[in-house]
């Protein structure tokens, strides 16, 4: 199974001081061990750059732009990057209309549109509640994965 990694997964991976860093590492290792393909979309990398380069006092990691780009290159090297494609915008418009998405959750709808466009059905995130309305997708947390939540499912 292909599993899209949400931005919050990538940020926790980059921050060894985060209380959920080890859980994130273990979940990603479990996905690989079980033969699942970890996938990224450009939106997650844009958001990653925003968060990790934001100052610590503003709830960021305070990394330099150079370090953030190096991290992004590393993430691309160890995961599969899906392309941004023109059809994703139209899918996003349809998604926000169909699911009555407003405000910040339009960012989540953009991920859903990219998933739908690329035929992805599983998202790894710490923000599972943000995606409950999208019942056609399988939303899993790192806890789910570590506790065998994807075991026995198609790959």
C-alpha atoms as a PDB file:
ATOM      1  CA  UNK A   1       0.000   0.000   0.000  1.00  0.00           C
ATOM      2  CA  UNK A   2       1.158   3.548  -0.706  1.00  0.00           C
ATOM      3  CA  UNK A   3       0.932   5.784   2.370  1.00  0.00           C
ATOM      4  CA  UNK A   4       1.082   9.573   2.162  1.00  0.00           C
ATOM      5  CA  UNK A   5       3.045  11.133   5.029  1.00  0.00           C
ATOM      6  CA  UNK A   6       1.450  14.347   6.304  1.00  0.00           C
ATOM      7  CA  UNK A   7       3.565  17.405   7.125  1.00  0.00           C
ATOM      8  CA  UNK A   8       3.259  16.839  10.879  1.00  0.00           C
ATOM      9  CA  UNK A   9       4.996  13.480  10.435  1.00  0.00           C
ATOM     10  CA  UNK A  10       7.904  15.114   8.601  1.00  0.00           C
ATOM     11  CA  UNK A  11       8.270  17.891  11.180  1.00  0.00           C
ATOM     12  CA  UNK A  12       8.340  15.467  14.106  1.00  0.00           C
ATOM     13  CA  UNK A  13      10.916  13.406  12.251  1.00  0.00           C
ATOM     14  CA  UNK A  14      13.128  16.515  11.991  1.00  0.00           C
ATOM     15  CA  UNK A  15      12.867  17.333  15.686  1.00  0.00           C
ATOM     16  CA  UNK A  16      14.588  14.787  17.971  1.00  0.00           C
ATOM     17  CA  UNK A  17      13.386  16.809  20.979  1.00  0.00           C
ATOM     18  CA  UNK A  18       9.729  16.296  20.095  1.00  0.00           C
ATOM     19  CA  UNK A  19       8.003  13.832  22.458  1.00  0.00           C
ATOM     20  CA  UNK A  20       6.558  12.018  19.426  1.00  0.00           C
ATOM     21  CA  UNK A  21       9.839  11.816  17.477  1.00  0.00           C
ATOM     22  CA  UNK A  22      10.568   8.188  18.414  1.00  0.00           C
ATOM     23  CA  UNK A  23       6.980   7.127  17.727  1.00  0.00           C
ATOM     24  CA  UNK A  24       7.257   8.750  14.296  1.00  0.00           C
ATOM     25  CA  UNK A  25      10.532   6.955  13.557  1.00  0.00           C
ATOM     26  CA  UNK A  26       9.052   3.636  14.653  1.00  0.00           C
ATOM     27  CA  UNK A  27       5.920   4.108  12.536  1.00  0.00           C
ATOM     28  CA  UNK A  28       7.932   4.964   9.416  1.00  0.00           C
ATOM     29  CA  UNK A  29      10.251   2.011   9.997  1.00  0.00           C
ATOM     30  CA  UNK A  30       7.242  -0.283  10.447  1.00  0.00           C
ATOM     31  CA  UNK A  31       5.705   0.896   7.178  1.00  0.00           C
ATOM     32  CA  UNK A  32       8.938   0.119   5.330  1.00  0.00           C
ATOM     33  CA  UNK A  33       9.427  -3.204   7.111  1.00  0.00           C
ATOM     34  CA  UNK A  34       5.890  -4.263   6.184  1.00  0.00           C
ATOM     35  CA  UNK A  35       6.488  -3.394   2.526  1.00  0.00           C
ATOM     36  CA  UNK A  36       4.426  -0.217   2.326  1.00  0.00           C
ATOM     37  CA  UNK A  37       5.601   2.630   0.099  1.00  0.00           C
ATOM     38  CA  UNK A  38       5.980   6.007   1.830  1.00  0.00           C
ATOM     39  CA  UNK A  39       4.798   8.835  -0.408  1.00  0.00           C
ATOM     40  CA  UNK A  40       5.137  12.627  -0.312  1.00  0.00           C
ATOM     41  CA  UNK A  41       3.428  15.380  -2.264  1.00  0.00           C
ATOM     42  CA  UNK A  42       4.967  18.822  -2.827  1.00  0.00           C
ATOM     43  CA  UNK A  43       2.446  20.536  -0.526  1.00  0.00           C
ATOM     44  CA  UNK A  44       3.867  18.650   2.469  1.00  0.00           C
ATOM     45  CA  UNK A  45       7.361  19.788   1.549  1.00  0.00           C
ATOM     46  CA  UNK A  46       6.261  23.434   1.162  1.00  0.00           C
ATOM     47  CA  UNK A  47       4.568  23.261   4.556  1.00  0.00           C
ATOM     48  CA  UNK A  48       7.597  21.509   6.057  1.00  0.00           C
ATOM     49  CA  UNK A  49       9.839  24.368   4.903  1.00  0.00           C
ATOM     50  CA  UNK A  50       7.461  26.926   6.440  1.00  0.00           C
ATOM     51  CA  UNK A  51       7.382  25.201   9.836  1.00  0.00           C
ATOM     52  CA  UNK A  52      11.037  24.240  10.212  1.00  0.00           C
ATOM     53  CA  UNK A  53      12.367  27.662   9.152  1.00  0.00           C
ATOM     54  CA  UNK A  54       9.931  29.586  11.358  1.00  0.00           C
ATOM     55  CA  UNK A  55      11.572  30.939  14.541  1.00  0.00           C
ATOM     56  CA  UNK A  56      11.315  28.755  17.647  1.00  0.00           C
ATOM     57  CA  UNK A  57       9.428  31.505  19.510  1.00  0.00           C
ATOM     58  CA  UNK A  58       6.799  31.324  16.762  1.00  0.00           C
ATOM     59  CA  UNK A  59       6.328  27.550  17.146  1.00  0.00           C
ATOM     60  CA  UNK A  60       8.875  26.623  14.485  1.00  0.00           C
ATOM     61  CA  UNK A  61      12.181  24.785  14.585  1.00  0.00           C
ATOM     62  CA  UNK A  62      14.368  27.768  13.676  1.00  0.00           C
ATOM     63  CA  UNK A  63      16.333  25.944  10.970  1.00  0.00           C
ATOM     64  CA  UNK A  64      18.134  27.817   8.223  1.00  0.00           C
ATOM     65  CA  UNK A  65      16.740  27.772   4.710  1.00  0.00           C
ATOM     66  CA  UNK A  66      19.819  25.851   3.575  1.00  0.00           C
ATOM     67  CA  UNK A  67      19.260  23.175   6.206  1.00  0.00           C
ATOM     68  CA  UNK A  68      15.557  22.927   5.341  1.00  0.00           C
ATOM     69  CA  UNK A  69      16.343  22.374   1.650  1.00  0.00           C
ATOM     70  CA  UNK A  70      18.929  19.721   2.567  1.00  0.00           C
ATOM     71  CA  UNK A  71      16.308  18.000   4.731  1.00  0.00           C
ATOM     72  CA  UNK A  72      13.799  18.136   1.871  1.00  0.00           C
ATOM     73  CA  UNK A  73      16.352  16.577  -0.486  1.00  0.00           C
ATOM     74  CA  UNK A  74      16.882  13.797   2.075  1.00  0.00           C
ATOM     75  CA  UNK A  75      13.128  13.234   2.434  1.00  0.00           C
ATOM     76  CA  UNK A  76      12.778  12.958  -1.336  1.00  0.00           C
ATOM     77  CA  UNK A  77      15.677  10.488  -1.456  1.00  0.00           C
ATOM     78  CA  UNK A  78      14.063   8.097   1.040  1.00  0.00           C
ATOM     79  CA  UNK A  79      10.397   8.464   0.018  1.00  0.00           C
ATOM     80  CA  UNK A  80       8.494   8.579  -3.267  1.00  0.00           C
ATOM     81  CA  UNK A  81       7.569  12.107  -4.402  1.00  0.00           C
ATOM     82  CA  UNK A  82       4.377  12.458  -6.431  1.00  0.00           C
ATOM     83  CA  UNK A  83       4.241  15.418  -8.803  1.00  0.00           C
ATOM     84  CA  UNK A  84       1.976  18.422  -8.565  1.00  0.00           C
ATOM     85  CA  UNK A  85      -0.233  18.176 -11.628  1.00  0.00           C
ATOM     86  CA  UNK A  86      -2.786  20.589 -13.108  1.00  0.00           C
ATOM     87  CA  UNK A  87      -5.730  18.281 -12.371  1.00  0.00           C
ATOM     88  CA  UNK A  88      -5.156  18.582  -8.623  1.00  0.00           C
ATOM     89  CA  UNK A  89      -6.493  22.147  -8.558  1.00  0.00           C
ATOM     90  CA  UNK A  90      -9.794  21.134 -10.157  1.00  0.00           C
ATOM     91  CA  UNK A  91     -10.022  18.178  -7.769  1.00  0.00           C
ATOM     92  CA  UNK A  92      -9.404  20.541  -4.832  1.00  0.00           C
ATOM     93  CA  UNK A  93     -12.226  22.866  -5.971  1.00  0.00           C
ATOM     94  CA  UNK A  94     -14.543  19.890  -6.209  1.00  0.00           C
ATOM     95  CA  UNK A  95     -13.437  18.571  -2.801  1.00  0.00           C
ATOM     96  CA  UNK A  96     -13.974  21.846  -0.911  1.00  0.00           C
ATOM     97  CA  UNK A  97     -17.419  22.153  -2.482  1.00  0.00           C
ATOM     98  CA  UNK A  98     -18.489  18.563  -1.911  1.00  0.00           C
ATOM     99  CA  UNK A  99     -17.274  18.426   1.703  1.00  0.00           C
ATOM    100  CA  UNK A 100     -18.136  22.061   2.549  1.00  0.00           C
ATOM    101  CA  UNK A 101     -14.555  22.815   3.594  1.00  0.00           C
ATOM    102  CA  UNK A 102     -13.757  26.314   4.869  1.00  0.00           C
ATOM    103  CA  UNK A 103     -10.838  28.096   6.519  1.00  0.00           C
ATOM    104  CA  UNK A 104      -7.590  26.337   7.359  1.00  0.00           C
ATOM    105  CA  UNK A 105      -9.034  22.959   6.501  1.00  0.00           C
ATOM    106  CA  UNK A 106      -8.724  23.933   2.840  1.00  0.00           C
ATOM    107  CA  UNK A 107      -5.062  22.910   3.245  1.00  0.00           C
ATOM    108  CA  UNK A 108      -6.191  19.438   4.307  1.00  0.00           C
ATOM    109  CA  UNK A 109      -8.574  19.341   1.352  1.00  0.00           C
ATOM    110  CA  UNK A 110      -5.599  20.076  -0.916  1.00  0.00           C
ATOM    111  CA  UNK A 111      -3.879  16.938   0.420  1.00  0.00           C
ATOM    112  CA  UNK A 112      -7.059  14.950  -0.147  1.00  0.00           C
ATOM    113  CA  UNK A 113      -7.279  16.275  -3.711  1.00  0.00           C
ATOM    114  CA  UNK A 114      -3.671  15.241  -4.375  1.00  0.00           C
ATOM    115  CA  UNK A 115      -4.371  11.807  -2.885  1.00  0.00           C
ATOM    116  CA  UNK A 116      -7.476  11.345  -5.009  1.00  0.00           C
ATOM    117  CA  UNK A 117      -5.682  12.554  -8.132  1.00  0.00           C
ATOM    118  CA  UNK A 118      -2.814  10.110  -7.597  1.00  0.00           C
ATOM    119  CA  UNK A 119      -5.006   7.193  -6.499  1.00  0.00           C
ATOM    120  CA  UNK A 120      -3.708   7.185  -2.915  1.00  0.00           C
ATOM    121  CA  UNK A 121      -6.049   5.906  -0.224  1.00  0.00           C
ATOM    122  CA  UNK A 122      -4.024   6.000   3.013  1.00  0.00           C
ATOM    123  CA  UNK A 123      -2.693   8.993   4.985  1.00  0.00           C
ATOM    124  CA  UNK A 124      -0.327   8.846   7.968  1.00  0.00           C
ATOM    125  CA  UNK A 125      -0.955  11.832  10.242  1.00  0.00           C
ATOM    126  CA  UNK A 126      -1.141  12.949  13.845  1.00  0.00           C
ATOM    127  CA  UNK A 127      -4.206  15.037  12.881  1.00  0.00           C
ATOM    128  CA  UNK A 128      -6.619  12.224  12.107  1.00  0.00           C
ATOM    129  CA  UNK A 129      -9.608  14.283  13.307  1.00  0.00           C
ATOM    130  CA  UNK A 130      -8.971  16.828  10.529  1.00  0.00           C
ATOM    131  CA  UNK A 131      -9.654  14.159   7.908  1.00  0.00           C
ATOM    132  CA  UNK A 132     -12.698  12.333   9.368  1.00  0.00           C
ATOM    133  CA  UNK A 133     -15.085  13.838   6.808  1.00  0.00           C
ATOM    134  CA  UNK A 134     -13.132  12.161   3.993  1.00  0.00           C
ATOM    135  CA  UNK A 135     -14.576   8.707   4.585  1.00  0.00           C
ATOM    136  CA  UNK A 136     -13.265   7.307   1.301  1.00  0.00           C
ATOM    137  CA  UNK A 137      -9.715   7.490   2.713  1.00  0.00           C
ATOM    138  CA  UNK A 138      -7.971   5.423   5.340  1.00  0.00           C
ATOM    139  CA  UNK A 139      -6.503   7.781   7.925  1.00  0.00           C
ATOM    140  CA  UNK A 140      -3.951   6.254  10.300  1.00  0.00           C
ATOM    141  CA  UNK A 141      -1.836   7.638  13.108  1.00  0.00           C
ATOM    142  CA  UNK A 142       1.684   6.545  14.022  1.00  0.00           C
ATOM    143  CA  UNK A 143       0.151   4.720  17.009  1.00  0.00           C
ATOM    144  CA  UNK A 144      -2.071   2.745  14.613  1.00  0.00           C
ATOM    145  CA  UNK A 145       0.929   1.752  12.503  1.00  0.00           C
ATOM    146  CA  UNK A 146       3.164   0.797  15.428  1.00  0.00           C
ATOM    147  CA  UNK A 147       0.338  -1.292  16.875  1.00  0.00           C
ATOM    148  CA  UNK A 148      -0.110  -3.163  13.582  1.00  0.00           C
ATOM    149  CA  UNK A 149      -2.880  -1.006  12.114  1.00  0.00           C
ATOM    150  CA  UNK A 150      -1.899  -1.753   8.509  1.00  0.00           C
ATOM    151  CA  UNK A 151      -1.072  -5.418   9.011  1.00  0.00           C
ATOM    152  CA  UNK A 152      -2.734  -7.729   6.575  1.00  0.00           C
ATOM    153  CA  UNK A 153      -3.968  -4.929   4.325  1.00  0.00           C
ATOM    154  CA  UNK A 154      -3.184  -4.809   0.628  1.00  0.00           C
ATOM    155  CA  UNK A 155       0.107  -3.183  -0.320  1.00  0.00           C
END
